[in-house]
Amino acid sequence: FEHLTPVKIEKCFEAATKEWYRLRAASIHERRKQEHKEKAELAGAENA
């Protein structure tokens, strides 16, 4: 770890944080899509 400068660590951390937010946003988006689909299926079942 000695060869890592604070700047390198910060860049690494920044990249990891951005990736984490991106993945989190993607998973929230997927969950919303799934919920929407389930609601539509429930509504369809009630109308049937």
PDB file of N, CA and C in Angstrom:
ATOM      1  N   PHE A   1       0.815  -1.216   0.000  1.00  0.00           N
ATOM      2  CA  PHE A   1       0.000   0.000   0.000  1.00  0.00           C
ATOM      3  C   PHE A   1       0.853   1.272   0.000  1.00  0.00           C
ATOM      4  N   GLU A   2       2.133   1.123   0.367  1.00  0.00           N
ATOM      5  CA  GLU A   2       2.998   2.293   0.492  1.00  0.00           C
ATOM      6  C   GLU A   2       3.105   3.086  -0.812  1.00  0.00           C
ATOM      7  N   HIS A   3       3.080   2.373  -1.943  1.00  0.00           N
ATOM      8  CA  HIS A   3       3.281   3.068  -3.218  1.00  0.00           C
ATOM      9  C   HIS A   3       2.038   3.836  -3.671  1.00  0.00           C
ATOM     10  N   LEU A   4       0.923   3.637  -3.007  1.00  0.00           N
ATOM     11  CA  LEU A   4      -0.290   4.365  -3.367  1.00  0.00           C
ATOM     12  C   LEU A   4      -0.292   5.743  -2.716  1.00  0.00           C
ATOM     13  N   THR A   5      -0.356   6.768  -3.561  1.00  0.00           N
ATOM     14  CA  THR A   5      -0.428   8.127  -3.029  1.00  0.00           C
ATOM     15  C   THR A   5      -1.882   8.437  -2.669  1.00  0.00           C
ATOM     16  N   PRO A   6      -2.100   9.411  -1.805  1.00  0.00           N
ATOM     17  CA  PRO A   6      -3.479   9.789  -1.467  1.00  0.00           C
ATOM     18  C   PRO A   6      -4.320  10.125  -2.702  1.00  0.00           C
ATOM     19  N   VAL A   7      -3.678  10.724  -3.696  1.00  0.00           N
ATOM     20  CA  VAL A   7      -4.411  11.074  -4.920  1.00  0.00           C
ATOM     21  C   VAL A   7      -4.895   9.812  -5.628  1.00  0.00           C
ATOM     22  N   LYS A   8      -4.006   8.814  -5.728  1.00  0.00           N
ATOM     23  CA  LYS A   8      -4.383   7.549  -6.370  1.00  0.00           C
ATOM     24  C   LYS A   8      -5.528   6.886  -5.622  1.00  0.00           C
ATOM     25  N   ILE A   9      -5.429   6.899  -4.294  1.00  0.00           N
ATOM     26  CA  ILE A   9      -6.475   6.288  -3.471  1.00  0.00           C
ATOM     27  C   ILE A   9      -7.798   7.016  -3.697  1.00  0.00           C
ATOM     28  N   GLU A  10      -7.727   8.353  -3.739  1.00  0.00           N
ATOM     29  CA  GLU A  10      -8.930   9.154  -3.928  1.00  0.00           C
ATOM     30  C   GLU A  10      -9.570   8.861  -5.282  1.00  0.00           C
ATOM     31  N   LYS A  11      -8.746   8.762  -6.329  1.00  0.00           N
ATOM     32  CA  LYS A  11      -9.259   8.464  -7.669  1.00  0.00           C
ATOM     33  C   LYS A  11      -9.946   7.102  -7.672  1.00  0.00           C
ATOM     34  N   CYS A  12      -9.312   6.144  -7.025  1.00  0.00           N
ATOM     35  CA  CYS A  12      -9.856   4.796  -6.920  1.00  0.00           C
ATOM     36  C   CYS A  12     -11.202   4.819  -6.211  1.00  0.00           C
ATOM     37  N   PHE A  13     -11.230   5.537  -5.102  1.00  0.00           N
ATOM     38  CA  PHE A  13     -12.434   5.626  -4.287  1.00  0.00           C
ATOM     39  C   PHE A  13     -13.555   6.291  -5.079  1.00  0.00           C
ATOM     40  N   GLU A  14     -13.202   7.350  -5.812  1.00  0.00           N
ATOM     41  CA  GLU A  14     -14.168   8.083  -6.622  1.00  0.00           C
ATOM     42  C   GLU A  14     -14.783   7.170  -7.674  1.00  0.00           C
ATOM     43  N   ALA A  15     -13.929   6.398  -8.344  1.00  0.00           N
ATOM     44  CA  ALA A  15     -14.397   5.479  -9.380  1.00  0.00           C
ATOM     45  C   ALA A  15     -15.316   4.421  -8.778  1.00  0.00           C
ATOM     46  N   ALA A  16     -14.929   3.899  -7.626  1.00  0.00           N
ATOM     47  CA  ALA A  16     -15.731   2.874  -6.961  1.00  0.00           C
ATOM     48  C   ALA A  16     -17.078   3.441  -6.529  1.00  0.00           C
ATOM     49  N   THR A  17     -17.065   4.670  -6.021  1.00  0.00           N
ATOM     50  CA  THR A  17     -18.301   5.314  -5.579  1.00  0.00           C
ATOM     51  C   THR A  17     -19.237   5.538  -6.759  1.00  0.00           C
ATOM     52  N   LYS A  18     -18.691   6.031  -7.868  1.00  0.00           N
ATOM     53  CA  LYS A  18     -19.506   6.258  -9.066  1.00  0.00           C
ATOM     54  C   LYS A  18     -20.122   4.956  -9.543  1.00  0.00           C
ATOM     55  N   GLU A  19     -19.317   3.905  -9.564  1.00  0.00           N
ATOM     56  CA  GLU A  19     -19.790   2.593 -10.006  1.00  0.00           C
ATOM     57  C   GLU A  19     -20.894   2.097  -9.075  1.00  0.00           C
ATOM     58  N   TRP A  20     -20.695   2.295  -7.774  1.00  0.00           N
ATOM     59  CA  TRP A  20     -21.689   1.859  -6.791  1.00  0.00           C
ATOM     60  C   TRP A  20     -23.017   2.581  -7.020  1.00  0.00           C
ATOM     61  N   TYR A  21     -22.957   3.903  -7.234  1.00  0.00           N
ATOM     62  CA  TYR A  21     -24.185   4.662  -7.481  1.00  0.00           C
ATOM     63  C   TYR A  21     -24.859   4.206  -8.765  1.00  0.00           C
ATOM     64  N   ARG A  22     -24.037   3.921  -9.793  1.00  0.00           N
ATOM     65  CA  ARG A  22     -24.578   3.481 -11.074  1.00  0.00           C
ATOM     66  C   ARG A  22     -25.308   2.148 -10.908  1.00  0.00           C
ATOM     67  N   LEU A  23     -24.670   1.212 -10.214  1.00  0.00           N
ATOM     68  CA  LEU A  23     -25.277  -0.104 -10.000  1.00  0.00           C
ATOM     69  C   LEU A  23     -26.534   0.017  -9.152  1.00  0.00           C
ATOM     70  N   ARG A  24     -26.475   0.887  -8.142  1.00  0.00           N
ATOM     71  CA  ARG A  24     -27.615   1.075  -7.255  1.00  0.00           C
ATOM     72  C   ARG A  24     -28.787   1.662  -8.039  1.00  0.00           C
ATOM     73  N   ALA A  25     -28.498   2.653  -8.876  1.00  0.00           N
ATOM     74  CA  ALA A  25     -29.546   3.263  -9.689  1.00  0.00           C
ATOM     75  C   ALA A  25     -30.145   2.226 -10.630  1.00  0.00           C
ATOM     76  N   ALA A  26     -29.293   1.385 -11.206  1.00  0.00           N
ATOM     77  CA  ALA A  26     -29.759   0.352 -12.127  1.00  0.00           C
ATOM     78  C   ALA A  26     -30.658  -0.651 -11.407  1.00  0.00           C
ATOM     79  N   SER A  27     -30.275  -1.039 -10.196  1.00  0.00           N
ATOM     80  CA  SER A  27     -31.076  -2.029  -9.475  1.00  0.00           C
ATOM     81  C   SER A  27     -32.405  -1.428  -9.022  1.00  0.00           C
ATOM     82  N   ILE A  28     -32.409  -0.144  -8.659  1.00  0.00           N
ATOM     83  CA  ILE A  28     -33.662   0.527  -8.289  1.00  0.00           C
ATOM     84  C   ILE A  28     -34.572   0.583  -9.510  1.00  0.00           C
ATOM     85  N   HIS A  29     -33.997   0.897 -10.662  1.00  0.00           N
ATOM     86  CA  HIS A  29     -34.755   0.961 -11.908  1.00  0.00           C
ATOM     87  C   HIS A  29     -35.382  -0.395 -12.222  1.00  0.00           C
ATOM     88  N   GLU A  30     -34.593  -1.457 -12.081  1.00  0.00           N
ATOM     89  CA  GLU A  30     -35.089  -2.813 -12.336  1.00  0.00           C
ATOM     90  C   GLU A  30     -36.231  -3.163 -11.389  1.00  0.00           C
ATOM     91  N   ARG A  31     -36.067  -2.808 -10.107  1.00  0.00           N
ATOM     92  CA  ARG A  31     -37.085  -3.119  -9.115  1.00  0.00           C
ATOM     93  C   ARG A  31     -38.385  -2.380  -9.442  1.00  0.00           C
ATOM     94  N   ARG A  32     -38.275  -1.113  -9.857  1.00  0.00           N
ATOM     95  CA  ARG A  32     -39.464  -0.329 -10.209  1.00  0.00           C
ATOM     96  C   ARG A  32     -40.188  -0.967 -11.383  1.00  0.00           C
ATOM     97  N   LYS A  33     -39.392  -1.395 -12.379  1.00  0.00           N
ATOM     98  CA  LYS A  33     -39.972  -2.047 -13.555  1.00  0.00           C
ATOM     99  C   LYS A  33     -40.718  -3.308 -13.134  1.00  0.00           C
ATOM    100  N   GLN A  34     -40.090  -4.086 -12.243  1.00  0.00           N
ATOM    101  CA  GLN A  34     -40.678  -5.333 -11.762  1.00  0.00           C
ATOM    102  C   GLN A  34     -41.977  -5.051 -11.010  1.00  0.00           C
ATOM    103  N   GLU A  35     -41.976  -4.043 -10.141  1.00  0.00           N
ATOM    104  CA  GLU A  35     -43.170  -3.682  -9.377  1.00  0.00           C
ATOM    105  C   GLU A  35     -44.290  -3.261 -10.319  1.00  0.00           C
ATOM    106  N   HIS A  36     -43.941  -2.492 -11.331  1.00  0.00           N
ATOM    107  CA  HIS A  36     -44.919  -2.011 -12.301  1.00  0.00           C
ATOM    108  C   HIS A  36     -45.571  -3.195 -13.015  1.00  0.00           C
ATOM    109  N   LYS A  37     -44.723  -4.155 -13.387  1.00  0.00           N
ATOM    110  CA  LYS A  37     -45.192  -5.356 -14.073  1.00  0.00           C
ATOM    111  C   LYS A  37     -46.143  -6.145 -13.169  1.00  0.00           C
ATOM    112  N   GLU A  38     -45.762  -6.307 -11.903  1.00  0.00           N
ATOM    113  CA  GLU A  38     -46.596  -7.051 -10.962  1.00  0.00           C
ATOM    114  C   GLU A  38     -47.936  -6.362 -10.748  1.00  0.00           C
ATOM    115  N   LYS A  39     -47.923  -5.028 -10.654  1.00  0.00           N
ATOM    116  CA  LYS A  39     -49.170  -4.277 -10.487  1.00  0.00           C
ATOM    117  C   LYS A  39     -50.065  -4.468 -11.699  1.00  0.00           C
ATOM    118  N   ALA A  40     -49.466  -4.437 -12.874  1.00  0.00           N
ATOM    119  CA  ALA A  40     -50.232  -4.618 -14.103  1.00  0.00           C
ATOM    120  C   ALA A  40     -50.840  -6.017 -14.145  1.00  0.00           C
ATOM    121  N   GLU A  41     -50.063  -7.012 -13.715  1.00  0.00           N
ATOM    122  CA  GLU A  41     -50.568  -8.389 -13.695  1.00  0.00           C
ATOM    123  C   GLU A  41     -51.703  -8.530 -12.688  1.00  0.00           C
ATOM    124  N   LEU A  42     -51.566  -7.883 -11.525  1.00  0.00           N
ATOM    125  CA  LEU A  42     -52.619  -7.920 -10.508  1.00  0.00           C
ATOM    126  C   LEU A  42     -53.887  -7.261 -11.049  1.00  0.00           C
ATOM    127  N   ALA A  43     -53.727  -6.114 -11.681  1.00  0.00           N
ATOM    128  CA  ALA A  43     -54.868  -5.404 -12.251  1.00  0.00           C
ATOM    129  C   ALA A  43     -55.536  -6.265 -13.316  1.00  0.00           C
ATOM    130  N   GLY A  44     -54.717  -6.935 -14.127  1.00  0.00           N
ATOM    131  CA  GLY A  44     -55.244  -7.815 -15.169  1.00  0.00           C
ATOM    132  C   GLY A  44     -56.015  -8.974 -14.567  1.00  0.00           C
ATOM    133  N   ALA A  45     -55.507  -9.522 -13.471  1.00  0.00           N
ATOM    134  CA  ALA A  45     -56.162 -10.650 -12.812  1.00  0.00           C
ATOM    135  C   ALA A  45     -57.498 -10.213 -12.211  1.00  0.00           C
ATOM    136  N   GLU A  46     -57.541  -8.996 -11.676  1.00  0.00           N
ATOM    137  CA  GLU A  46     -58.778  -8.485 -11.082  1.00  0.00           C
ATOM    138  C   GLU A  46     -59.825  -8.224 -12.152  1.00  0.00           C
ATOM    139  N   ASN A  47     -59.378  -7.787 -13.319  1.00  0.00           N
ATOM    140  CA  ASN A  47     -60.314  -7.470 -14.402  1.00  0.00           C
ATOM    141  C   ASN A  47     -60.827  -8.717 -15.094  1.00  0.00           C
ATOM    142  N   ALA A  48     -60.087  -9.804 -15.011  1.00  0.00           N
ATOM    143  CA  ALA A  48     -60.437 -11.028 -15.723  1.00  0.00           C
ATOM    144  C   ALA A  48     -61.713 -11.654 -15.160  1.00  0.00           C
TER     145      ALA A  48
END
